[in-house]
């Protein structure tokens, strides 16, 4: 199980769902089929535990809302307007 927002090198997989850890975000992509069987139950437990850890990280870091400005500053988009070359 990863420790959310703790480092930039942890990852885990639940079914075909991939969870990558970074210090400023947790990236989740892929898909998962939770079937009504033992494997589905175990995967649901893992998702529940992961969600709890992510929520706990927010609770433990009440200053997370201060990062909203930092996230906007990390935008890769250009801040300048350019003429449309296709017109």
PDB file of N, CA and C in Angstrom:
ATOM      1  N   UNK A   1       0.855  -1.183   0.000  1.00  0.00           N
ATOM      2  CA  UNK A   1       0.000   0.000   0.000  1.00  0.00           C
ATOM      3  C   UNK A   1       0.894   1.238   0.000  1.00  0.00           C
ATOM      4  N   UNK A   2       0.553   2.202  -0.836  1.00  0.00           N
ATOM      5  CA  UNK A   2       1.352   3.427  -0.897  1.00  0.00           C
ATOM      6  C   UNK A   2       1.018   4.361   0.261  1.00  0.00           C
ATOM      7  N   UNK A   3       1.920   5.266   0.530  1.00  0.00           N
ATOM      8  CA  UNK A   3       1.695   6.329   1.506  1.00  0.00           C
ATOM      9  C   UNK A   3       1.435   7.600   0.700  1.00  0.00           C
ATOM     10  N   UNK A   4       0.169   8.016   0.535  1.00  0.00           N
ATOM     11  CA  UNK A   4      -0.178   9.113  -0.372  1.00  0.00           C
ATOM     12  C   UNK A   4       0.605  10.395  -0.095  1.00  0.00           C
ATOM     13  N   UNK A   5       1.076  11.012  -1.173  1.00  0.00           N
ATOM     14  CA  UNK A   5       1.774  12.295  -1.174  1.00  0.00           C
ATOM     15  C   UNK A   5       3.124  12.237  -0.464  1.00  0.00           C
ATOM     16  N   UNK A   6       3.654  11.063  -0.201  1.00  0.00           N
ATOM     17  CA  UNK A   6       4.890  10.946   0.569  1.00  0.00           C
ATOM     18  C   UNK A   6       6.144  10.999  -0.298  1.00  0.00           C
ATOM     19  N   UNK A   7       6.048  10.590  -1.560  1.00  0.00           N
ATOM     20  CA  UNK A   7       7.240  10.535  -2.403  1.00  0.00           C
ATOM     21  C   UNK A   7       6.837  10.460  -3.870  1.00  0.00           C
ATOM     22  N   UNK A   8       7.822  10.438  -4.731  1.00  0.00           N
ATOM     23  CA  UNK A   8       7.563  10.402  -6.173  1.00  0.00           C
ATOM     24  C   UNK A   8       7.934   9.065  -6.811  1.00  0.00           C
ATOM     25  N   UNK A   9       7.997   8.012  -6.033  1.00  0.00           N
ATOM     26  CA  UNK A   9       8.440   6.751  -6.624  1.00  0.00           C
ATOM     27  C   UNK A   9       7.553   5.544  -6.309  1.00  0.00           C
ATOM     28  N   UNK A  10       6.528   5.692  -5.524  1.00  0.00           N
ATOM     29  CA  UNK A  10       5.684   4.536  -5.220  1.00  0.00           C
ATOM     30  C   UNK A  10       4.550   4.408  -6.236  1.00  0.00           C
ATOM     31  N   UNK A  11       4.191   3.185  -6.506  1.00  0.00           N
ATOM     32  CA  UNK A  11       2.997   2.916  -7.302  1.00  0.00           C
ATOM     33  C   UNK A  11       2.439   1.568  -6.860  1.00  0.00           C
ATOM     34  N   UNK A  12       1.189   1.353  -7.198  1.00  0.00           N
ATOM     35  CA  UNK A  12       0.562   0.077  -6.893  1.00  0.00           C
ATOM     36  C   UNK A  12      -0.497  -0.189  -7.949  1.00  0.00           C
ATOM     37  N   UNK A  13      -0.991  -1.402  -7.955  1.00  0.00           N
ATOM     38  CA  UNK A  13      -2.007  -1.785  -8.923  1.00  0.00           C
ATOM     39  C   UNK A  13      -3.070  -2.609  -8.228  1.00  0.00           C
ATOM     40  N   UNK A  14      -4.313  -2.295  -8.550  1.00  0.00           N
ATOM     41  CA  UNK A  14      -5.458  -3.077  -8.091  1.00  0.00           C
ATOM     42  C   UNK A  14      -6.232  -3.450  -9.343  1.00  0.00           C
ATOM     43  N   UNK A  15      -6.243  -4.711  -9.686  1.00  0.00           N
ATOM     44  CA  UNK A  15      -6.812  -5.115 -10.972  1.00  0.00           C
ATOM     45  C   UNK A  15      -6.004  -4.445 -12.071  1.00  0.00           C
ATOM     46  N   UNK A  16      -6.676  -3.767 -13.000  1.00  0.00           N
ATOM     47  CA  UNK A  16      -5.993  -2.997 -14.037  1.00  0.00           C
ATOM     48  C   UNK A  16      -5.962  -1.510 -13.696  1.00  0.00           C
ATOM     49  N   UNK A  17      -6.243  -1.183 -12.460  1.00  0.00           N
ATOM     50  CA  UNK A  17      -6.210   0.188 -11.974  1.00  0.00           C
ATOM     51  C   UNK A  17      -4.817   0.472 -11.434  1.00  0.00           C
ATOM     52  N   UNK A  18      -4.167   1.505 -11.950  1.00  0.00           N
ATOM     53  CA  UNK A  18      -2.812   1.858 -11.537  1.00  0.00           C
ATOM     54  C   UNK A  18      -2.881   3.125 -10.695  1.00  0.00           C
ATOM     55  N   UNK A  19      -2.194   3.129  -9.584  1.00  0.00           N
ATOM     56  CA  UNK A  19      -2.138   4.270  -8.678  1.00  0.00           C
ATOM     57  C   UNK A  19      -0.676   4.673  -8.555  1.00  0.00           C
ATOM     58  N   UNK A  20      -0.371   5.915  -8.941  1.00  0.00           N
ATOM     59  CA  UNK A  20       0.992   6.429  -8.854  1.00  0.00           C
ATOM     60  C   UNK A  20       1.038   7.532  -7.812  1.00  0.00           C
ATOM     61  N   UNK A  21       2.051   7.503  -7.005  1.00  0.00           N
ATOM     62  CA  UNK A  21       2.217   8.453  -5.918  1.00  0.00           C
ATOM     63  C   UNK A  21       3.162   9.565  -6.334  1.00  0.00           C
ATOM     64  N   UNK A  22       2.819  10.794  -5.974  1.00  0.00           N
ATOM     65  CA  UNK A  22       3.712  11.936  -6.114  1.00  0.00           C
ATOM     66  C   UNK A  22       3.538  12.803  -4.885  1.00  0.00           C
ATOM     67  N   UNK A  23       4.450  13.720  -4.670  1.00  0.00           N
ATOM     68  CA  UNK A  23       4.364  14.541  -3.465  1.00  0.00           C
ATOM     69  C   UNK A  23       3.238  15.558  -3.536  1.00  0.00           C
ATOM     70  N   UNK A  24       2.783  15.901  -4.742  1.00  0.00           N
ATOM     71  CA  UNK A  24       1.717  16.889  -4.865  1.00  0.00           C
ATOM     72  C   UNK A  24       0.408  16.321  -5.385  1.00  0.00           C
ATOM     73  N   UNK A  25       0.401  15.039  -5.747  1.00  0.00           N
ATOM     74  CA  UNK A  25      -0.826  14.430  -6.259  1.00  0.00           C
ATOM     75  C   UNK A  25      -0.716  12.911  -6.264  1.00  0.00           C
ATOM     76  N   UNK A  26      -1.868  12.282  -6.340  1.00  0.00           N
ATOM     77  CA  UNK A  26      -1.964  10.840  -6.529  1.00  0.00           C
ATOM     78  C   UNK A  26      -2.684  10.645  -7.857  1.00  0.00           C
ATOM     79  N   UNK A  27      -2.069   9.899  -8.764  1.00  0.00           N
ATOM     80  CA  UNK A  27      -2.621   9.698 -10.099  1.00  0.00           C
ATOM     81  C   UNK A  27      -3.232   8.298 -10.157  1.00  0.00           C
ATOM     82  N   UNK A  28      -4.493   8.227 -10.583  1.00  0.00           N
ATOM     83  CA  UNK A  28      -5.194   6.947 -10.678  1.00  0.00           C
ATOM     84  C   UNK A  28      -5.719   6.816 -12.102  1.00  0.00           C
ATOM     85  N   UNK A  29      -5.359   5.721 -12.768  1.00  0.00           N
ATOM     86  CA  UNK A  29      -5.856   5.502 -14.124  1.00  0.00           C
ATOM     87  C   UNK A  29      -6.017   4.013 -14.387  1.00  0.00           C
ATOM     88  N   UNK A  30      -6.754   3.703 -15.419  1.00  0.00           N
ATOM     89  CA  UNK A  30      -7.036   2.318 -15.757  1.00  0.00           C
ATOM     90  C   UNK A  30      -8.465   1.979 -15.409  1.00  0.00           C
ATOM     91  N   UNK A  31      -8.748   0.716 -15.274  1.00  0.00           N
ATOM     92  CA  UNK A  31     -10.096   0.306 -14.902  1.00  0.00           C
ATOM     93  C   UNK A  31     -10.048  -0.953 -14.042  1.00  0.00           C
ATOM     94  N   UNK A  32     -11.159  -1.193 -13.439  1.00  0.00           N
ATOM     95  CA  UNK A  32     -11.254  -2.359 -12.564  1.00  0.00           C
ATOM     96  C   UNK A  32     -12.686  -2.882 -12.628  1.00  0.00           C
ATOM     97  N   UNK A  33     -12.833  -4.171 -12.676  1.00  0.00           N
ATOM     98  CA  UNK A  33     -14.135  -4.825 -12.603  1.00  0.00           C
ATOM     99  C   UNK A  33     -14.233  -5.492 -11.245  1.00  0.00           C
ATOM    100  N   UNK A  34     -15.076  -4.943 -10.390  1.00  0.00           N
ATOM    101  CA  UNK A  34     -15.282  -5.551  -9.072  1.00  0.00           C
ATOM    102  C   UNK A  34     -16.396  -6.578  -9.201  1.00  0.00           C
ATOM    103  N   UNK A  35     -15.998  -7.827  -9.273  1.00  0.00           N
ATOM    104  CA  UNK A  35     -16.967  -8.897  -9.401  1.00  0.00           C
ATOM    105  C   UNK A  35     -17.397  -9.376  -8.026  1.00  0.00           C
ATOM    106  N   UNK A  36     -18.574  -9.922  -7.972  1.00  0.00           N
ATOM    107  CA  UNK A  36     -19.123 -10.399  -6.702  1.00  0.00           C
ATOM    108  C   UNK A  36     -18.542 -11.776  -6.397  1.00  0.00           C
ATOM    109  N   UNK A  37     -17.247 -11.758  -6.031  1.00  0.00           N
ATOM    110  CA  UNK A  37     -16.539 -12.978  -5.654  1.00  0.00           C
ATOM    111  C   UNK A  37     -15.410 -12.597  -4.694  1.00  0.00           C
ATOM    112  N   UNK A  38     -14.593 -13.543  -4.332  1.00  0.00           N
ATOM    113  CA  UNK A  38     -13.529 -13.303  -3.360  1.00  0.00           C
ATOM    114  C   UNK A  38     -12.523 -12.276  -3.853  1.00  0.00           C
ATOM    115  N   UNK A  39     -12.125 -12.369  -5.116  1.00  0.00           N
ATOM    116  CA  UNK A  39     -11.155 -11.420  -5.660  1.00  0.00           C
ATOM    117  C   UNK A  39     -11.750 -10.013  -5.675  1.00  0.00           C
ATOM    118  N   UNK A  40     -13.002  -9.877  -6.082  1.00  0.00           N
ATOM    119  CA  UNK A  40     -13.666  -8.578  -6.081  1.00  0.00           C
ATOM    120  C   UNK A  40     -13.742  -7.984  -4.686  1.00  0.00           C
ATOM    121  N   UNK A  41     -14.006  -8.833  -3.705  1.00  0.00           N
ATOM    122  CA  UNK A  41     -14.068  -8.385  -2.312  1.00  0.00           C
ATOM    123  C   UNK A  41     -12.702  -7.871  -1.852  1.00  0.00           C
ATOM    124  N   UNK A  42     -11.637  -8.595  -2.180  1.00  0.00           N
ATOM    125  CA  UNK A  42     -10.284  -8.180  -1.798  1.00  0.00           C
ATOM    126  C   UNK A  42      -9.897  -6.871  -2.479  1.00  0.00           C
ATOM    127  N   UNK A  43     -10.264  -6.724  -3.750  1.00  0.00           N
ATOM    128  CA  UNK A  43      -9.964  -5.486  -4.465  1.00  0.00           C
ATOM    129  C   UNK A  43     -10.750  -4.315  -3.873  1.00  0.00           C
ATOM    130  N   UNK A  44     -11.998  -4.540  -3.517  1.00  0.00           N
ATOM    131  CA  UNK A  44     -12.812  -3.490  -2.892  1.00  0.00           C
ATOM    132  C   UNK A  44     -12.202  -3.071  -1.553  1.00  0.00           C
ATOM    133  N   UNK A  45     -11.687  -4.030  -0.804  1.00  0.00           N
ATOM    134  CA  UNK A  45     -11.026  -3.709   0.461  1.00  0.00           C
ATOM    135  C   UNK A  45      -9.780  -2.846   0.220  1.00  0.00           C
ATOM    136  N   UNK A  46      -8.999  -3.179  -0.812  1.00  0.00           N
ATOM    137  CA  UNK A  46      -7.809  -2.398  -1.137  1.00  0.00           C
ATOM    138  C   UNK A  46      -8.186  -0.971  -1.534  1.00  0.00           C
ATOM    139  N   UNK A  47      -9.230  -0.825  -2.350  1.00  0.00           N
ATOM    140  CA  UNK A  47      -9.682   0.510  -2.742  1.00  0.00           C
ATOM    141  C   UNK A  47     -10.147   1.313  -1.535  1.00  0.00           C
ATOM    142  N   UNK A  48     -10.855   0.648  -0.649  1.00  0.00           N
ATOM    143  CA  UNK A  48     -11.348   1.305   0.565  1.00  0.00           C
ATOM    144  C   UNK A  48     -10.181   1.771   1.441  1.00  0.00           C
ATOM    145  N   UNK A  49      -9.192   0.908   1.615  1.00  0.00           N
ATOM    146  CA  UNK A  49      -8.027   1.258   2.428  1.00  0.00           C
ATOM    147  C   UNK A  49      -7.247   2.409   1.792  1.00  0.00           C
ATOM    148  N   UNK A  50      -7.081   2.373   0.473  1.00  0.00           N
ATOM    149  CA  UNK A  50      -6.366   3.436  -0.226  1.00  0.00           C
ATOM    150  C   UNK A  50      -7.113   4.764  -0.099  1.00  0.00           C
ATOM    151  N   UNK A  51      -8.418   4.734  -0.296  1.00  0.00           N
ATOM    152  CA  UNK A  51      -9.223   5.955  -0.161  1.00  0.00           C
ATOM    153  C   UNK A  51      -9.102   6.527   1.243  1.00  0.00           C
ATOM    154  N   UNK A  52      -9.121   5.667   2.228  1.00  0.00           N
ATOM    155  CA  UNK A  52      -8.969   6.116   3.612  1.00  0.00           C
ATOM    156  C   UNK A  52      -7.622   6.781   3.847  1.00  0.00           C
ATOM    157  N   UNK A  53      -6.572   6.203   3.277  1.00  0.00           N
ATOM    158  CA  UNK A  53      -5.233   6.788   3.441  1.00  0.00           C
ATOM    159  C   UNK A  53      -5.137   8.146   2.746  1.00  0.00           C
ATOM    160  N   UNK A  54      -5.747   8.264   1.581  1.00  0.00           N
ATOM    161  CA  UNK A  54      -5.730   9.548   0.866  1.00  0.00           C
ATOM    162  C   UNK A  54      -6.477  10.603   1.669  1.00  0.00           C
ATOM    163  N   UNK A  55      -7.661  10.254   2.159  1.00  0.00           N
ATOM    164  CA  UNK A  55      -8.432  11.206   2.970  1.00  0.00           C
ATOM    165  C   UNK A  55      -7.691  11.568   4.249  1.00  0.00           C
ATOM    166  N   UNK A  56      -7.011  10.606   4.847  1.00  0.00           N
ATOM    167  CA  UNK A  56      -6.245  10.876   6.058  1.00  0.00           C
ATOM    168  C   UNK A  56      -5.103  11.848   5.772  1.00  0.00           C
ATOM    169  N   UNK A  57      -4.498  11.737   4.598  1.00  0.00           N
ATOM    170  CA  UNK A  57      -3.419  12.665   4.234  1.00  0.00           C
ATOM    171  C   UNK A  57      -3.943  14.094   4.157  1.00  0.00           C
ATOM    172  N   UNK A  58      -5.175  14.272   3.655  1.00  0.00           N
ATOM    173  CA  UNK A  58      -5.773  15.608   3.635  1.00  0.00           C
ATOM    174  C   UNK A  58      -6.045  16.087   5.060  1.00  0.00           C
ATOM    175  N   UNK A  59      -6.533  15.215   5.897  1.00  0.00           N
ATOM    176  CA  UNK A  59      -6.820  15.574   7.285  1.00  0.00           C
ATOM    177  C   UNK A  59      -5.534  15.941   8.023  1.00  0.00           C
ATOM    178  N   UNK A  60      -4.466  15.205   7.769  1.00  0.00           N
ATOM    179  CA  UNK A  60      -3.188  15.453   8.435  1.00  0.00           C
ATOM    180  C   UNK A  60      -2.498  16.718   7.931  1.00  0.00           C
ATOM    181  N   UNK A  61      -2.903  17.204   6.768  1.00  0.00           N
ATOM    182  CA  UNK A  61      -2.289  18.395   6.172  1.00  0.00           C
ATOM    183  C   UNK A  61      -3.371  19.429   5.867  1.00  0.00           C
ATOM    184  N   UNK A  62      -3.890  20.094   6.895  1.00  0.00           N
ATOM    185  CA  UNK A  62      -4.997  21.027   6.680  1.00  0.00           C
ATOM    186  C   UNK A  62      -4.620  22.221   5.809  1.00  0.00           C
ATOM    187  N   UNK A  63      -3.341  22.423   5.545  1.00  0.00           N
ATOM    188  CA  UNK A  63      -2.916  23.527   4.692  1.00  0.00           C
ATOM    189  C   UNK A  63      -2.975  23.167   3.211  1.00  0.00           C
ATOM    190  N   UNK A  64      -3.583  22.033   2.866  1.00  0.00           N
ATOM    191  CA  UNK A  64      -3.614  21.602   1.468  1.00  0.00           C
ATOM    192  C   UNK A  64      -4.250  22.646   0.558  1.00  0.00           C
ATOM    193  N   UNK A  65      -5.190  23.450   1.064  1.00  0.00           N
ATOM    194  CA  UNK A  65      -5.850  24.443   0.215  1.00  0.00           C
ATOM    195  C   UNK A  65      -4.892  25.548  -0.219  1.00  0.00           C
ATOM    196  N   UNK A  66      -3.795  25.732   0.492  1.00  0.00           N
ATOM    197  CA  UNK A  66      -2.807  26.728   0.099  1.00  0.00           C
ATOM    198  C   UNK A  66      -2.085  26.318  -1.177  1.00  0.00           C
ATOM    199  N   UNK A  67      -2.136  25.047  -1.522  1.00  0.00           N
ATOM    200  CA  UNK A  67      -1.480  24.550  -2.718  1.00  0.00           C
ATOM    201  C   UNK A  67      -2.257  24.854  -3.982  1.00  0.00           C
ATOM    202  N   UNK A  68      -3.490  25.357  -3.867  1.00  0.00           N
ATOM    203  CA  UNK A  68      -4.276  25.676  -5.053  1.00  0.00           C
ATOM    204  C   UNK A  68      -3.544  26.679  -5.936  1.00  0.00           C
ATOM    205  N   UNK A  69      -2.936  27.687  -5.333  1.00  0.00           N
ATOM    206  CA  UNK A  69      -2.198  28.686  -6.090  1.00  0.00           C
ATOM    207  C   UNK A  69      -0.969  28.059  -6.730  1.00  0.00           C
ATOM    208  N   UNK A  70      -0.286  27.192  -6.002  1.00  0.00           N
ATOM    209  CA  UNK A  70       0.892  26.531  -6.552  1.00  0.00           C
ATOM    210  C   UNK A  70       0.532  25.676  -7.758  1.00  0.00           C
ATOM    211  N   UNK A  71      -0.598  24.994  -7.714  1.00  0.00           N
ATOM    212  CA  UNK A  71      -1.015  24.159  -8.833  1.00  0.00           C
ATOM    213  C   UNK A  71      -1.243  24.998 -10.080  1.00  0.00           C
ATOM    214  N   UNK A  72      -1.823  26.171  -9.926  1.00  0.00           N
ATOM    215  CA  UNK A  72      -2.038  27.038 -11.081  1.00  0.00           C
ATOM    216  C   UNK A  72      -0.701  27.523 -11.640  1.00  0.00           C
ATOM    217  N   UNK A  73       0.271  27.747 -10.769  1.00  0.00           N
ATOM    218  CA  UNK A  73       1.578  28.192 -11.225  1.00  0.00           C
ATOM    219  C   UNK A  73       2.325  27.097 -11.965  1.00  0.00           C
ATOM    220  N   UNK A  74       1.997  25.836 -11.722  1.00  0.00           N
ATOM    221  CA  UNK A  74       2.663  24.720 -12.381  1.00  0.00           C
ATOM    222  C   UNK A  74       2.036  24.362 -13.723  1.00  0.00           C
ATOM    223  N   UNK A  75       1.068  25.123 -14.159  1.00  0.00           N
ATOM    224  CA  UNK A  75       0.390  24.851 -15.418  1.00  0.00           C
ATOM    225  C   UNK A  75       1.403  24.957 -16.559  1.00  0.00           C
ATOM    226  N   UNK A  76       1.403  23.989 -17.451  1.00  0.00           N
ATOM    227  CA  UNK A  76       2.343  23.989 -18.562  1.00  0.00           C
ATOM    228  C   UNK A  76       1.893  24.880 -19.713  1.00  0.00           C
ATOM    229  N   UNK A  77       0.667  25.360 -19.666  1.00  0.00           N
ATOM    230  CA  UNK A  77       0.156  26.188 -20.749  1.00  0.00           C
ATOM    231  C   UNK A  77       0.800  27.564 -20.760  1.00  0.00           C
ATOM    232  N   UNK A  78       0.914  28.137 -21.957  1.00  0.00           N
ATOM    233  CA  UNK A  78       1.493  29.471 -22.109  1.00  0.00           C
ATOM    234  C   UNK A  78       0.496  30.508 -21.595  1.00  0.00           C
ATOM    235  N   UNK A  79       1.019  31.562 -21.006  1.00  0.00           N
ATOM    236  CA  UNK A  79       0.171  32.624 -20.483  1.00  0.00           C
ATOM    237  C   UNK A  79      -0.016  33.755 -21.489  1.00  0.00           C
ATOM    238  N   UNK A  80       0.406  33.550 -22.694  1.00  0.00           N
ATOM    239  CA  UNK A  80       0.287  34.600 -23.692  1.00  0.00           C
ATOM    240  C   UNK A  80      -0.692  34.187 -24.778  1.00  0.00           C
ATOM    241  N   UNK A  81      -1.343  35.168 -25.358  1.00  0.00           N
ATOM    242  CA  UNK A  81      -2.290  34.928 -26.432  1.00  0.00           C
ATOM    243  C   UNK A  81      -1.551  35.104 -27.757  1.00  0.00           C
ATOM    244  N   UNK A  82      -1.748  34.153 -28.638  1.00  0.00           N
ATOM    245  CA  UNK A  82      -1.111  34.248 -29.952  1.00  0.00           C
ATOM    246  C   UNK A  82      -2.183  34.246 -31.035  1.00  0.00           C
ATOM    247  N   UNK A  83      -1.851  34.789 -32.199  1.00  0.00           N
ATOM    248  CA  UNK A  83      -2.776  34.794 -33.315  1.00  0.00           C
ATOM    249  C   UNK A  83      -2.965  33.375 -33.832  1.00  0.00           C
ATOM    250  N   UNK A  84      -4.175  33.074 -34.249  1.00  0.00           N
ATOM    251  CA  UNK A  84      -4.484  31.765 -34.799  1.00  0.00           C
ATOM    252  C   UNK A  84      -3.844  31.652 -36.179  1.00  0.00           C
ATOM    253  N   UNK A  85      -2.917  30.734 -36.389  1.00  0.00           N
ATOM    254  CA  UNK A  85      -2.241  30.626 -37.691  1.00  0.00           C
ATOM    255  C   UNK A  85      -3.132  30.020 -38.775  1.00  0.00           C
ATOM    256  N   UNK A  86      -4.306  29.505 -38.412  1.00  0.00           N
ATOM    257  CA  UNK A  86      -5.176  28.857 -39.383  1.00  0.00           C
ATOM    258  C   UNK A  86      -6.250  29.782 -39.933  1.00  0.00           C
ATOM    259  N   UNK A  87      -6.257  31.044 -39.517  1.00  0.00           N
ATOM    260  CA  UNK A  87      -7.248  31.992 -40.028  1.00  0.00           C
ATOM    261  C   UNK A  87      -6.709  32.778 -41.190  1.00  0.00           C
TER     262      UNK A  87
END
